Amino acid sequence: MQSLKIIHLITSVSISILCFNVALAQNEPLGLVSSATPEATASGAQILKKGGNAVDAAVAVAFTLGVTEPAMSGIGGRTMMILSLPNQEPIAIGGISLTPTILDSNIEKEDLTFYKQVSIPSQVKILSYVWKKYGSGRLKWEELLEPAIHYAEKGFINGVHRHHVFKRVQQKFIDNPYHNRELLVDNEIPAIGDIIKQPTLARTLKQLAANGGDDFYKGSIAREMAKDFKTNGGWITYDDLYHFPEPKEHKPLHVNYRGYDIYSFVPPGGGWQVLQVLNLLEQYDVNDLKENTNERTLALLHVLNISHNDRLDNAIKDYSNFQSEINKKISKKYAKALFENTDNTVKVNQEAEEKGQGETTHFSITDKAGIAVSVTSSVGAYFGSLTSTKKLGFFYNSYLKSLMGFGLNKSLEPNVNIPSSMSPSLVKKDGKNVLVIGTPGSKRIVSTISQLIQLWVDSQMSITDVIKEPRVHAIRNLAYIEDENITSKYLQEIRSKKFKITFPDYDLTNKSGLNAYFGGVHAIEYRNGQWKAAADPRRDGTTITVRYE
């Protein structure tokens, strides 16, 4: 019966897509789910329909994404959540990813391979915490894991974008001896339409469902992980898992952009940079930024370049005590000074973007009670470290390697909270939620979220139309351009501003000319008295609307 319910919900996804532009009345009781795979979206909708709230649904979606989009997230990674409860200030939860207690501080970055690049996973700890504290109380923990278990055991159909991701790591994935190979079909990467089953992961999820999240850190799963790292030269120990701290709650970072309250994730997330970019964009007249004109694109390239260079040149060194430094970074005064004192002589750096790093996933959910969640999860690079416990079946993250890519330029140290660009965000107007948004994409996360929020606020376009607009990214005077129809005249104008034109180092372009290199936005808006969910056509994402009886 469970399988029939899920299949029915997946069928409803196609209906949701056909009705993508149909707005929903504010007074109609409904829930909205937008995520990166149809299976995960269906899982969230199923939980809402059973009486769960948005937090319950978020737990189900996160676990299902780890099964159906394993290159991007999973229980071997980390999660950041912004939670908005009715009539309360938003809350930032999770995000922590610690280096092991004992490691080789003199190791070179190129030697951080396989098990040696893994930080202590935090996703299960965070999901368990939010369910216990903010879940509806109407659904059991094991009910929230049922959809993920189903897709691991019975399989899911490989999508177009997910196939392209497999192709990106094809040979490394096939040749790698450090995983159980259950994602391969006849020892080849799965084609579009192939059914992928993961029986080992299904058994692990069943164990988590039966024993609770603590089993991952203190039970037999933790012991198996510790044994795996010891056998294969990794650093994570049972003590690291056992003593992993409980999630902390923070006030999200906040700025006001042209009358809208923008909230984004605290360090170690990259939300401060999203807010900094919006402060920089306020230096322009709103009329110059309303549409995707040449002026708007030049403005975006200019401010994105300023902010990304500032992050690299003036890196936050201590993420354990960030408040005073971050308050400075997101102040209007600091943005004005950056804008007015830009050094356009920065040398072009072709290594400003690391290839294959920072692939992630994002989903957004709202429910009939007015709860909203904006959640970003990741395992670092595609399939994280490309290693998995053969007896447990999930992929470990690659965060120790990414630690050295944020301008820190220092050796590894124990118990360091690793920085990230992940920036789940939320927009309010007059105290009410009006936009729930986020995206994957390494450093492009900041570029994508900030330019979409700017366009959504300044142009008053729908979130559906905003997501379809061509995107840009800029760092170290490199201008990354998505628009394949850009004119040679305009390219020369960009070059005249001392930018070097470049295009993504890999092509994930779909039939509409949109490239998944620039993210995969999953968002929900409230505008003109109506709710609407949107999924990015650059990836395999979908939306579902749940109408309550």
Protein backbone atom coordinates (compact mmCIF):
# COMPACT_ATOMS: atom_id res chain seq x y z
CA MET A 1 0.00 0.00 0.00
CA GLN A 2 2.91 2.30 0.79
CA SER A 3 4.33 1.85 -2.72
CA LEU A 4 0.98 2.67 -4.29
CA LYS A 5 0.74 5.89 -2.32
CA ILE A 6 4.19 7.02 -3.43
CA ILE A 7 3.58 6.08 -7.06
CA HIS A 8 0.33 8.03 -6.96
CA LEU A 9 2.16 11.07 -5.64
CA ILE A 10 4.86 10.82 -8.32
CA THR A 11 2.10 10.77 -10.92
CA SER A 12 0.73 13.95 -9.41
CA VAL A 13 4.08 15.64 -9.95
CA SER A 14 3.48 15.72 -13.70
CA ILE A 15 0.12 17.36 -13.06
CA SER A 16 1.86 19.92 -10.87
CA ILE A 17 4.29 20.73 -13.66
CA LEU A 18 1.49 21.20 -16.17
CA CYS A 19 -0.17 23.62 -13.79
CA PHE A 20 3.10 25.36 -12.93
CA ASN A 21 1.79 28.87 -13.46
CA VAL A 22 -1.52 28.38 -11.69
CA ALA A 23 -1.50 30.57 -8.60
CA LEU A 24 -3.14 29.49 -5.35
CA ALA A 25 -5.41 31.59 -3.20
CA GLN A 26 -4.11 32.65 0.19
CA ASN A 27 -7.26 31.54 2.02
CA GLU A 28 -7.12 27.99 0.63
CA PRO A 29 -5.56 25.51 3.08
CA LEU A 30 -2.53 24.07 1.29
CA GLY A 31 1.09 23.00 1.55
CA LEU A 32 3.82 23.51 -1.01
CA VAL A 33 6.96 21.44 -1.67
CA SER A 34 9.74 22.21 -4.15
CA SER A 35 12.81 19.98 -4.31
CA ALA A 36 15.47 18.63 -6.65
CA THR A 37 13.94 15.23 -7.44
CA PRO A 38 10.33 14.17 -8.11
CA GLU A 39 10.71 11.39 -5.56
CA ALA A 40 11.76 13.76 -2.76
CA THR A 41 9.00 16.23 -3.60
CA ALA A 42 6.48 13.37 -3.49
CA SER A 43 7.84 12.27 -0.12
CA GLY A 44 7.34 15.72 1.38
CA ALA A 45 3.86 15.99 -0.03
CA GLN A 46 2.98 12.57 1.36
CA ILE A 47 4.01 13.64 4.87
CA LEU A 48 1.99 16.86 4.65
CA LYS A 49 -1.04 14.90 3.47
CA LYS A 50 -0.70 12.52 6.43
CA GLY A 51 -0.94 15.44 8.86
CA GLY A 52 2.72 16.31 9.30
CA ASN A 53 3.96 19.88 9.32
CA ALA A 54 6.68 21.48 7.16
CA VAL A 55 9.42 20.28 9.54
CA ASP A 56 8.21 16.68 9.34
CA ALA A 57 8.12 16.99 5.57
CA ALA A 58 11.63 18.47 5.54
CA VAL A 59 13.01 15.41 7.31
CA ALA A 60 11.38 13.10 4.75
CA VAL A 61 12.58 15.20 1.81
CA ALA A 62 16.16 15.39 3.10
CA PHE A 63 16.43 11.63 3.58
CA THR A 64 14.84 10.95 0.19
CA LEU A 65 17.18 13.36 -1.59
CA GLY A 66 20.11 11.44 -0.10
CA VAL A 67 18.77 8.33 -1.83
CA THR A 68 17.57 9.79 -5.14
CA GLU A 69 20.23 12.48 -5.65
CA PRO A 70 23.23 10.91 -3.86
CA ALA A 71 25.80 12.99 -5.74
CA MET A 72 24.57 16.11 -3.95
CA SER A 73 23.61 15.21 -0.38
CA GLY A 74 23.00 12.39 2.07
CA ILE A 75 23.49 11.21 5.62
CA GLY A 76 27.26 11.43 5.16
CA GLY A 77 27.02 15.22 4.74
CA ARG A 78 25.71 18.38 6.37
CA THR A 79 22.47 20.39 6.45
CA MET A 80 21.55 24.04 7.04
CA MET A 81 17.96 25.06 7.76
CA ILE A 82 16.14 28.35 8.20
CA LEU A 83 12.87 27.76 10.02
CA SER A 84 10.11 30.36 10.11
CA LEU A 85 7.31 29.77 12.62
CA PRO A 86 4.17 31.96 12.61
CA ASN A 87 4.52 35.25 14.50
CA GLN A 88 8.17 34.57 15.40
CA GLU A 89 11.56 35.65 14.12
CA PRO A 90 13.18 33.03 11.84
CA ILE A 91 15.67 30.54 13.29
CA ALA A 92 18.89 29.22 11.72
CA ILE A 93 19.59 25.62 12.73
CA GLY A 94 22.51 23.29 12.06
CA GLY A 95 25.24 23.84 9.52
CA ILE A 96 28.11 22.52 11.61
CA SER A 97 30.77 20.30 9.99
CA LEU A 98 33.80 19.60 12.17
CA THR A 99 37.24 18.30 11.34
CA PRO A 100 38.24 15.14 13.25
CA THR A 101 39.96 15.42 16.63
CA ILE A 102 43.15 13.67 15.49
CA LEU A 103 44.54 14.37 12.02
CA ASP A 104 47.75 15.14 10.14
CA SER A 105 48.05 18.92 10.23
CA ASN A 106 51.00 18.89 7.81
CA ILE A 107 49.25 17.07 5.00
CA GLU A 108 49.14 18.76 1.60
CA LYS A 109 45.81 19.45 -0.09
CA GLU A 110 46.54 17.08 -2.98
CA ASP A 111 46.99 14.25 -0.48
CA LEU A 112 43.50 14.72 0.96
CA THR A 113 41.98 11.83 -0.95
CA PHE A 114 39.13 9.43 -0.23
CA TYR A 115 38.77 8.83 3.55
CA LYS A 116 41.24 11.59 4.46
CA GLN A 117 38.98 14.36 3.16
CA VAL A 118 35.91 13.53 5.28
CA SER A 119 34.59 15.76 8.05
CA ILE A 120 32.24 14.46 10.75
CA PRO A 121 28.74 14.17 9.18
CA SER A 122 26.04 16.28 10.82
CA GLN A 123 22.88 15.76 8.77
CA VAL A 124 21.30 13.01 10.86
CA LYS A 125 21.96 14.93 14.09
CA ILE A 126 20.29 18.04 12.68
CA LEU A 127 17.27 16.27 11.20
CA SER A 128 16.68 14.35 14.44
CA TYR A 129 16.94 17.58 16.46
CA VAL A 130 14.47 19.60 14.41
CA TRP A 131 11.96 16.75 14.29
CA LYS A 132 12.02 16.31 18.06
CA LYS A 133 11.71 20.03 18.80
CA TYR A 134 9.64 21.42 15.92
CA GLY A 135 7.88 18.46 14.32
CA SER A 136 4.10 18.20 14.51
CA GLY A 137 4.16 15.34 17.03
CA ARG A 138 1.61 13.52 14.88
CA LEU A 139 4.05 11.34 12.95
CA LYS A 140 6.67 8.91 14.19
CA TRP A 141 10.33 9.16 13.17
CA GLU A 142 10.13 5.91 11.23
CA GLU A 143 7.21 7.25 9.18
CA LEU A 144 9.41 10.09 7.96
CA LEU A 145 12.07 7.65 6.72
CA GLU A 146 9.60 5.30 4.98
CA PRO A 147 9.74 7.08 1.58
CA ALA A 148 13.55 7.12 1.51
CA ILE A 149 13.67 3.45 2.45
CA HIS A 150 11.16 2.69 -0.31
CA TYR A 151 13.27 4.38 -3.01
CA ALA A 152 16.48 2.78 -1.76
CA GLU A 153 14.91 -0.67 -1.70
CA LYS A 154 12.57 -0.60 -4.71
CA GLY A 155 14.55 1.88 -6.78
CA PHE A 156 14.00 5.19 -8.54
CA ILE A 157 14.22 6.22 -12.19
CA ASN A 158 17.41 8.07 -13.10
CA GLY A 159 16.70 11.59 -14.38
CA VAL A 160 18.38 13.68 -17.06
CA HIS A 161 20.41 15.92 -14.78
CA ARG A 162 21.36 13.05 -12.49
CA HIS A 163 22.64 11.12 -15.52
CA HIS A 164 24.74 14.11 -16.56
CA VAL A 165 26.24 14.23 -13.07
CA PHE A 166 27.22 10.56 -13.31
CA LYS A 167 28.89 11.35 -16.63
CA ARG A 168 30.95 14.10 -14.97
CA VAL A 169 32.63 11.55 -12.67
CA GLN A 170 32.14 8.48 -14.87
CA GLN A 171 35.64 7.00 -14.97
CA LYS A 172 36.57 7.92 -11.40
CA PHE A 173 33.32 6.39 -10.20
CA ILE A 174 33.74 3.15 -12.12
CA ASP A 175 37.42 2.72 -11.19
CA ASN A 176 37.04 3.66 -7.52
CA PRO A 177 37.35 0.67 -5.13
CA TYR A 178 35.98 2.55 -2.10
CA HIS A 179 32.23 2.12 -2.60
CA ASN A 180 29.86 -0.84 -2.93
CA ARG A 181 29.00 -0.11 -6.60
CA GLU A 182 25.24 -0.40 -6.10
CA LEU A 183 24.68 2.83 -8.04
CA LEU A 184 26.19 1.26 -11.16
CA VAL A 185 24.17 -0.77 -13.67
CA ASP A 186 26.16 -3.67 -15.15
CA ASN A 187 29.28 -1.87 -13.88
CA GLU A 188 28.42 1.23 -15.96
CA ILE A 189 26.93 4.53 -14.92
CA PRO A 190 23.12 4.43 -15.09
CA ALA A 191 21.49 5.76 -18.24
CA ILE A 192 18.51 8.10 -18.29
CA GLY A 193 15.52 5.96 -17.34
CA ASP A 194 17.50 3.23 -15.57
CA ILE A 195 16.14 2.06 -12.22
CA ILE A 196 18.69 2.49 -9.42
CA LYS A 197 18.40 0.36 -6.29
CA GLN A 198 20.51 0.63 -3.12
CA PRO A 199 19.71 -2.34 -0.85
CA THR A 200 22.64 -1.68 1.52
CA LEU A 201 21.54 1.92 2.10
CA ALA A 202 17.97 0.69 2.58
CA ARG A 203 19.13 -1.55 5.44
CA THR A 204 20.99 1.36 7.05
CA LEU A 205 17.94 3.61 6.81
CA LYS A 206 15.76 0.89 8.31
CA GLN A 207 18.16 0.71 11.23
CA LEU A 208 18.03 4.49 11.65
CA ALA A 209 14.24 4.37 11.48
CA ALA A 210 14.04 1.70 14.16
CA ASN A 211 16.72 3.00 16.54
CA GLY A 212 16.56 6.78 15.99
CA GLY A 213 19.17 9.29 14.92
CA ASP A 214 21.45 8.51 17.89
CA ASP A 215 22.39 5.20 16.29
CA PHE A 216 24.39 7.16 13.72
CA TYR A 217 26.56 8.68 16.45
CA LYS A 218 26.49 6.24 19.37
CA GLY A 219 25.17 2.89 18.12
CA SER A 220 26.14 0.15 15.71
CA ILE A 221 26.18 2.51 12.70
CA ALA A 222 28.74 4.70 14.47
CA ARG A 223 30.88 1.70 15.34
CA GLU A 224 30.79 0.44 11.75
CA MET A 225 31.79 3.90 10.45
CA ALA A 226 34.70 4.13 12.92
CA LYS A 227 35.91 0.69 11.88
CA ASP A 228 35.69 1.69 8.22
CA PHE A 229 37.80 4.82 8.72
CA LYS A 230 40.44 2.94 10.72
CA THR A 231 40.68 0.23 8.06
CA ASN A 232 41.03 2.70 5.19
CA GLY A 233 43.35 5.31 6.67
CA GLY A 234 40.75 7.91 7.63
CA TRP A 235 40.74 10.00 10.79
CA ILE A 236 37.16 9.93 12.13
CA THR A 237 36.85 7.84 15.30
CA TYR A 238 33.99 6.53 17.38
CA ASP A 239 34.75 9.24 19.96
CA ASP A 240 34.39 11.91 17.26
CA LEU A 241 30.92 10.61 16.47
CA TYR A 242 29.89 9.97 20.07
CA HIS A 243 30.85 13.48 21.23
CA PHE A 244 29.58 15.34 18.18
CA PRO A 245 27.73 18.39 19.60
CA GLU A 246 24.02 19.00 19.52
CA PRO A 247 22.86 21.55 16.91
CA LYS A 248 22.73 25.19 17.94
CA GLU A 249 20.07 27.74 17.07
CA HIS A 250 20.96 31.23 15.88
CA LYS A 251 19.21 34.33 14.66
CA PRO A 252 19.67 34.35 10.88
CA LEU A 253 21.66 37.22 9.44
CA HIS A 254 19.41 40.04 8.29
CA VAL A 255 19.41 43.15 6.12
CA ASN A 256 16.64 45.24 4.63
CA TYR A 257 16.70 45.52 0.84
CA ARG A 258 14.35 48.20 -0.53
CA GLY A 259 11.69 47.55 2.14
CA TYR A 260 11.99 43.73 2.20
CA ASP A 261 13.56 41.88 5.13
CA ILE A 262 16.13 39.38 3.83
CA TYR A 263 17.30 36.55 6.11
CA SER A 264 20.14 34.17 5.31
CA PHE A 265 22.24 31.57 7.06
CA VAL A 266 24.92 32.35 9.64
CA PRO A 267 28.56 31.22 9.38
CA PRO A 268 29.85 28.71 8.59
CA GLY A 269 27.30 29.28 5.81
CA GLY A 270 27.67 31.94 3.14
CA GLY A 271 24.53 33.92 3.90
CA TRP A 272 26.50 36.97 4.97
CA GLN A 273 27.78 37.29 1.41
CA VAL A 274 24.27 37.12 -0.09
CA LEU A 275 23.33 40.05 2.13
CA GLN A 276 26.53 41.91 1.28
CA VAL A 277 25.79 41.61 -2.45
CA LEU A 278 22.27 42.98 -1.92
CA ASN A 279 23.74 45.93 0.02
CA LEU A 280 26.10 46.55 -2.89
CA LEU A 281 23.21 46.43 -5.36
CA GLU A 282 21.44 49.15 -3.38
CA GLN A 283 24.16 51.51 -4.61
CA TYR A 284 22.36 51.46 -7.98
CA ASP A 285 19.12 53.16 -8.89
CA VAL A 286 16.31 50.62 -8.77
CA ASN A 287 15.20 51.56 -12.30
CA ASP A 288 18.54 50.32 -13.67
CA LEU A 289 18.02 46.88 -12.13
CA LYS A 290 14.40 46.07 -12.92
CA GLU A 291 14.94 43.91 -15.98
CA ASN A 292 17.64 41.70 -17.40
CA THR A 293 19.08 44.59 -19.35
CA ASN A 294 22.73 45.19 -20.15
CA GLU A 295 22.90 47.65 -17.26
CA ARG A 296 21.64 45.07 -14.76
CA THR A 297 24.08 42.42 -15.98
CA LEU A 298 27.02 44.81 -15.74
CA ALA A 299 25.92 45.86 -12.27
CA LEU A 300 25.65 42.23 -11.15
CA LEU A 301 29.07 41.32 -12.53
CA HIS A 302 30.56 44.35 -10.80
CA VAL A 303 29.14 43.72 -7.33
CA LEU A 304 29.56 39.94 -7.44
CA ASN A 305 33.21 40.41 -8.35
CA ILE A 306 33.64 42.87 -5.46
CA SER A 307 32.05 40.55 -2.92
CA HIS A 308 33.74 37.32 -4.00
CA ASN A 309 37.12 39.04 -4.05
CA ASP A 310 36.45 40.48 -0.61
CA ARG A 311 35.69 36.98 0.67
CA LEU A 312 38.96 35.64 -0.70
CA ASP A 313 41.14 38.60 0.27
CA ASN A 314 39.63 39.23 3.70
CA ALA A 315 38.61 35.73 4.76
CA ILE A 316 36.90 35.17 8.09
CA LYS A 317 39.56 33.32 10.08
CA ASP A 318 37.54 32.28 13.12
CA TYR A 319 34.09 30.80 12.56
CA SER A 320 33.59 30.08 16.25
CA ASN A 321 33.25 33.77 17.11
CA PHE A 322 31.94 35.46 14.01
CA GLN A 323 29.37 37.99 15.18
CA SER A 324 31.37 41.23 15.26
CA GLU A 325 33.21 40.56 12.02
CA ILE A 326 30.02 39.50 10.24
CA ASN A 327 28.09 42.54 11.47
CA LYS A 328 30.75 44.65 9.78
CA LYS A 329 30.62 42.59 6.56
CA ILE A 330 26.85 43.01 6.16
CA SER A 331 26.65 46.67 7.16
CA LYS A 332 25.50 49.30 4.66
CA LYS A 333 28.57 51.36 5.52
CA TYR A 334 30.96 48.54 4.62
CA ALA A 335 29.14 47.90 1.31
CA LYS A 336 29.34 51.59 0.40
CA ALA A 337 33.07 51.65 1.14
CA LEU A 338 33.65 48.49 -0.92
CA PHE A 339 31.65 49.92 -3.80
CA GLU A 340 33.48 53.24 -3.80
CA ASN A 341 36.99 51.83 -3.36
CA THR A 342 36.99 48.94 -5.79
CA ASP A 343 40.38 47.98 -7.12
CA ASN A 344 39.91 47.05 -10.77
CA THR A 345 43.52 45.95 -11.13
CA VAL A 346 42.92 42.52 -9.55
CA LYS A 347 44.71 39.91 -11.61
CA VAL A 348 42.57 37.37 -13.39
CA ASN A 349 42.85 34.03 -11.62
CA GLN A 350 41.76 31.03 -13.65
CA GLU A 351 41.85 28.89 -10.48
CA ALA A 352 39.27 31.03 -8.68
CA GLU A 353 36.69 28.28 -9.15
CA GLU A 354 37.69 24.74 -8.23
CA LYS A 355 36.48 22.16 -10.71
CA GLY A 356 34.04 19.58 -9.38
CA GLN A 357 33.69 21.20 -5.97
CA GLY A 358 30.59 22.33 -4.12
CA GLU A 359 27.66 20.44 -5.57
CA THR A 360 24.70 20.60 -3.24
CA THR A 361 20.89 20.47 -3.09
CA HIS A 362 18.16 22.78 -1.83
CA PHE A 363 14.45 22.46 -1.06
CA SER A 364 11.69 24.72 0.24
CA ILE A 365 8.47 23.78 2.04
CA THR A 366 5.49 25.63 3.51
CA ASP A 367 2.45 24.20 5.27
CA LYS A 368 -1.12 25.20 6.09
CA ALA A 369 -0.12 26.51 9.54
CA GLY A 370 2.23 29.06 8.00
CA ILE A 371 5.49 27.26 8.84
CA ALA A 372 8.21 27.68 6.21
CA VAL A 373 11.54 25.87 5.89
CA SER A 374 14.46 26.68 3.61
CA VAL A 375 16.98 23.82 3.61
CA THR A 376 20.33 23.30 1.89
CA SER A 377 22.26 20.01 2.22
CA SER A 378 25.54 18.83 0.74
CA VAL A 379 28.30 16.23 0.65
CA GLY A 380 30.77 18.67 -0.89
CA ALA A 381 31.94 17.59 -4.34
CA TYR A 382 29.96 15.23 -6.59
CA PHE A 383 29.43 12.07 -4.47
CA GLY A 384 31.53 13.73 -1.77
CA SER A 385 34.81 11.90 -1.28
CA LEU A 386 33.69 9.10 -3.65
CA THR A 387 33.91 6.74 -0.68
CA SER A 388 31.20 4.87 1.17
CA THR A 389 31.08 2.28 3.91
CA LYS A 390 30.41 -0.88 1.93
CA LYS A 391 28.31 -2.25 4.79
CA LEU A 392 26.25 0.97 5.16
CA GLY A 393 25.90 2.25 1.60
CA PHE A 394 26.03 6.07 1.87
CA PHE A 395 28.72 8.42 0.57
CA TYR A 396 31.00 10.39 2.86
CA ASN A 397 31.53 14.11 2.31
CA SER A 398 34.68 15.85 1.04
CA TYR A 399 34.70 18.88 3.33
CA LEU A 400 38.27 18.70 4.59
CA LYS A 401 39.38 19.33 1.04
CA SER A 402 37.04 22.26 0.57
CA LEU A 403 38.26 23.77 3.86
CA MET A 404 41.43 24.86 2.12
CA GLY A 405 39.52 26.63 -0.65
CA PHE A 406 38.07 29.63 1.18
CA GLY A 407 41.12 31.85 1.44
CA LEU A 408 42.16 30.43 4.81
CA ASN A 409 45.57 29.27 3.57
CA LYS A 410 46.42 27.32 6.69
CA SER A 411 47.04 23.73 7.69
CA LEU A 412 44.30 21.48 8.96
CA GLU A 413 43.42 21.77 12.63
CA PRO A 414 41.20 19.59 14.83
CA ASN A 415 37.62 20.58 15.67
CA VAL A 416 37.43 23.33 13.04
CA ASN A 417 33.93 24.27 11.84
CA ILE A 418 34.33 24.15 8.06
CA PRO A 419 33.05 27.13 6.02
CA SER A 420 30.61 26.77 3.14
CA SER A 421 28.77 28.87 0.56
CA MET A 422 25.45 27.23 1.45
CA SER A 423 22.91 30.00 2.01
CA PRO A 424 19.30 28.95 2.60
CA SER A 425 17.36 32.20 2.63
CA LEU A 426 13.97 33.70 3.45
CA VAL A 427 12.30 37.00 2.58
CA LYS A 428 9.63 38.73 4.65
CA LYS A 429 7.47 41.77 3.98
CA ASP A 430 5.61 43.44 6.85
CA GLY A 431 6.46 40.45 9.05
CA LYS A 432 4.98 37.86 6.64
CA ASN A 433 6.84 35.20 4.66
CA VAL A 434 6.89 36.12 0.98
CA LEU A 435 9.80 34.12 -0.46
CA VAL A 436 11.53 30.88 0.57
CA ILE A 437 14.61 30.29 -1.58
CA GLY A 438 17.97 28.56 -1.97
CA THR A 439 20.22 26.82 -4.48
CA PRO A 440 23.22 24.52 -4.88
CA GLY A 441 26.37 25.52 -6.74
CA SER A 442 29.48 26.21 -4.63
CA LYS A 443 30.45 29.91 -4.84
CA ARG A 444 27.68 30.38 -7.44
CA ILE A 445 25.19 29.87 -4.59
CA VAL A 446 25.81 33.44 -3.42
CA SER A 447 25.70 34.81 -6.96
CA THR A 448 22.46 33.03 -7.83
CA ILE A 449 20.47 33.73 -4.67
CA SER A 450 21.41 37.40 -4.49
CA GLN A 451 20.61 38.13 -8.14
CA LEU A 452 17.29 36.26 -7.96
CA ILE A 453 16.20 38.06 -4.79
CA GLN A 454 17.18 41.38 -6.36
CA LEU A 455 15.20 40.68 -9.53
CA TRP A 456 12.22 39.32 -7.60
CA VAL A 457 12.05 42.42 -5.39
CA ASP A 458 12.91 45.10 -7.94
CA SER A 459 11.02 43.83 -10.99
CA GLN A 460 8.02 42.27 -9.23
CA MET A 461 8.29 39.33 -11.66
CA SER A 462 6.94 35.96 -10.53
CA ILE A 463 9.42 33.50 -9.05
CA THR A 464 8.75 31.19 -12.01
CA ASP A 465 9.92 33.85 -14.46
CA VAL A 466 12.81 34.97 -12.27
CA ILE A 467 14.20 31.43 -12.12
CA LYS A 468 14.17 31.18 -15.92
CA GLU A 469 16.27 34.35 -16.39
CA PRO A 470 19.88 33.81 -17.56
CA ARG A 471 22.41 34.10 -14.73
CA VAL A 472 25.92 35.43 -14.26
CA HIS A 473 28.76 34.87 -11.82
CA ALA A 474 31.97 36.84 -11.27
CA ILE A 475 35.11 36.26 -9.24
CA ARG A 476 38.71 37.45 -9.66
CA ASN A 477 37.66 39.47 -12.72
CA LEU A 478 36.36 36.36 -14.45
CA ALA A 479 32.83 36.84 -15.78
CA TYR A 480 30.82 33.61 -16.14
CA ILE A 481 27.92 34.02 -18.57
CA GLU A 482 24.94 31.67 -18.97
CA ASP A 483 23.19 33.48 -21.83
CA GLU A 484 24.17 31.68 -25.05
CA ASN A 485 22.56 34.43 -27.15
CA ILE A 486 24.70 37.25 -25.82
CA THR A 487 25.93 39.52 -28.63
CA SER A 488 29.57 40.06 -29.51
CA LYS A 489 29.06 43.79 -28.99
CA TYR A 490 27.91 43.23 -25.45
CA LEU A 491 30.75 40.79 -24.77
CA GLN A 492 33.14 43.57 -25.73
CA GLU A 493 31.36 45.92 -23.34
CA ILE A 494 31.89 43.44 -20.50
CA ARG A 495 35.57 43.14 -21.45
CA SER A 496 35.87 46.92 -21.39
CA LYS A 497 35.07 46.74 -17.67
CA LYS A 498 38.28 44.67 -17.20
CA PHE A 499 36.53 41.32 -17.09
CA LYS A 500 37.78 38.22 -18.87
CA ILE A 501 34.83 36.36 -20.38
CA THR A 502 34.63 32.70 -19.54
CA PHE A 503 32.02 29.99 -19.73
CA PRO A 504 31.49 27.09 -17.31
CA ASP A 505 34.26 24.51 -17.26
CA TYR A 506 31.62 21.87 -17.87
CA ASP A 507 28.45 21.90 -19.90
CA LEU A 508 25.19 20.91 -18.23
CA THR A 509 23.01 22.89 -20.61
CA ASN A 510 19.45 21.73 -21.28
CA LYS A 511 17.30 22.26 -24.37
CA SER A 512 16.30 25.72 -23.19
CA GLY A 513 19.92 26.86 -23.04
CA LEU A 514 19.94 26.88 -19.23
CA ASN A 515 23.01 25.45 -17.51
CA ALA A 516 22.89 23.62 -14.16
CA TYR A 517 26.35 25.03 -13.42
CA PHE A 518 24.43 28.15 -12.32
CA GLY A 519 22.41 26.33 -9.68
CA GLY A 520 19.14 24.58 -9.10
CA VAL A 521 16.75 26.96 -7.33
CA HIS A 522 13.75 25.59 -5.46
CA ALA A 523 11.53 28.31 -4.10
CA ILE A 524 8.07 29.27 -2.86
CA GLU A 525 6.58 32.76 -3.14
CA TYR A 526 3.61 34.65 -1.78
CA ARG A 527 2.70 37.54 -4.07
CA ASN A 528 -0.51 39.42 -4.82
CA GLY A 529 -2.44 37.32 -2.33
CA GLN A 530 -1.40 34.03 -3.87
CA TRP A 531 1.08 31.21 -3.14
CA LYS A 532 3.18 29.53 -5.82
CA ALA A 533 6.03 27.01 -5.83
CA ALA A 534 8.74 26.90 -8.48
CA ALA A 535 11.42 24.37 -9.46
CA ASP A 536 14.47 25.16 -11.54
CA PRO A 537 14.27 23.75 -15.10
CA ARG A 538 18.08 23.41 -15.04
CA ARG A 539 17.76 20.23 -12.96
CA ASP A 540 15.35 17.36 -12.24
CA GLY A 541 13.32 19.24 -9.64
CA THR A 542 9.54 19.40 -9.33
CA THR A 543 6.83 20.97 -7.20
CA ILE A 544 3.69 19.58 -5.56
CA THR A 545 0.78 21.42 -4.01
CA VAL A 546 -1.08 19.65 -1.21
CA ARG A 547 -4.70 20.71 -0.75
CA TYR A 548 -6.02 19.82 2.67
CA GLU A 549 -9.55 18.55 3.15
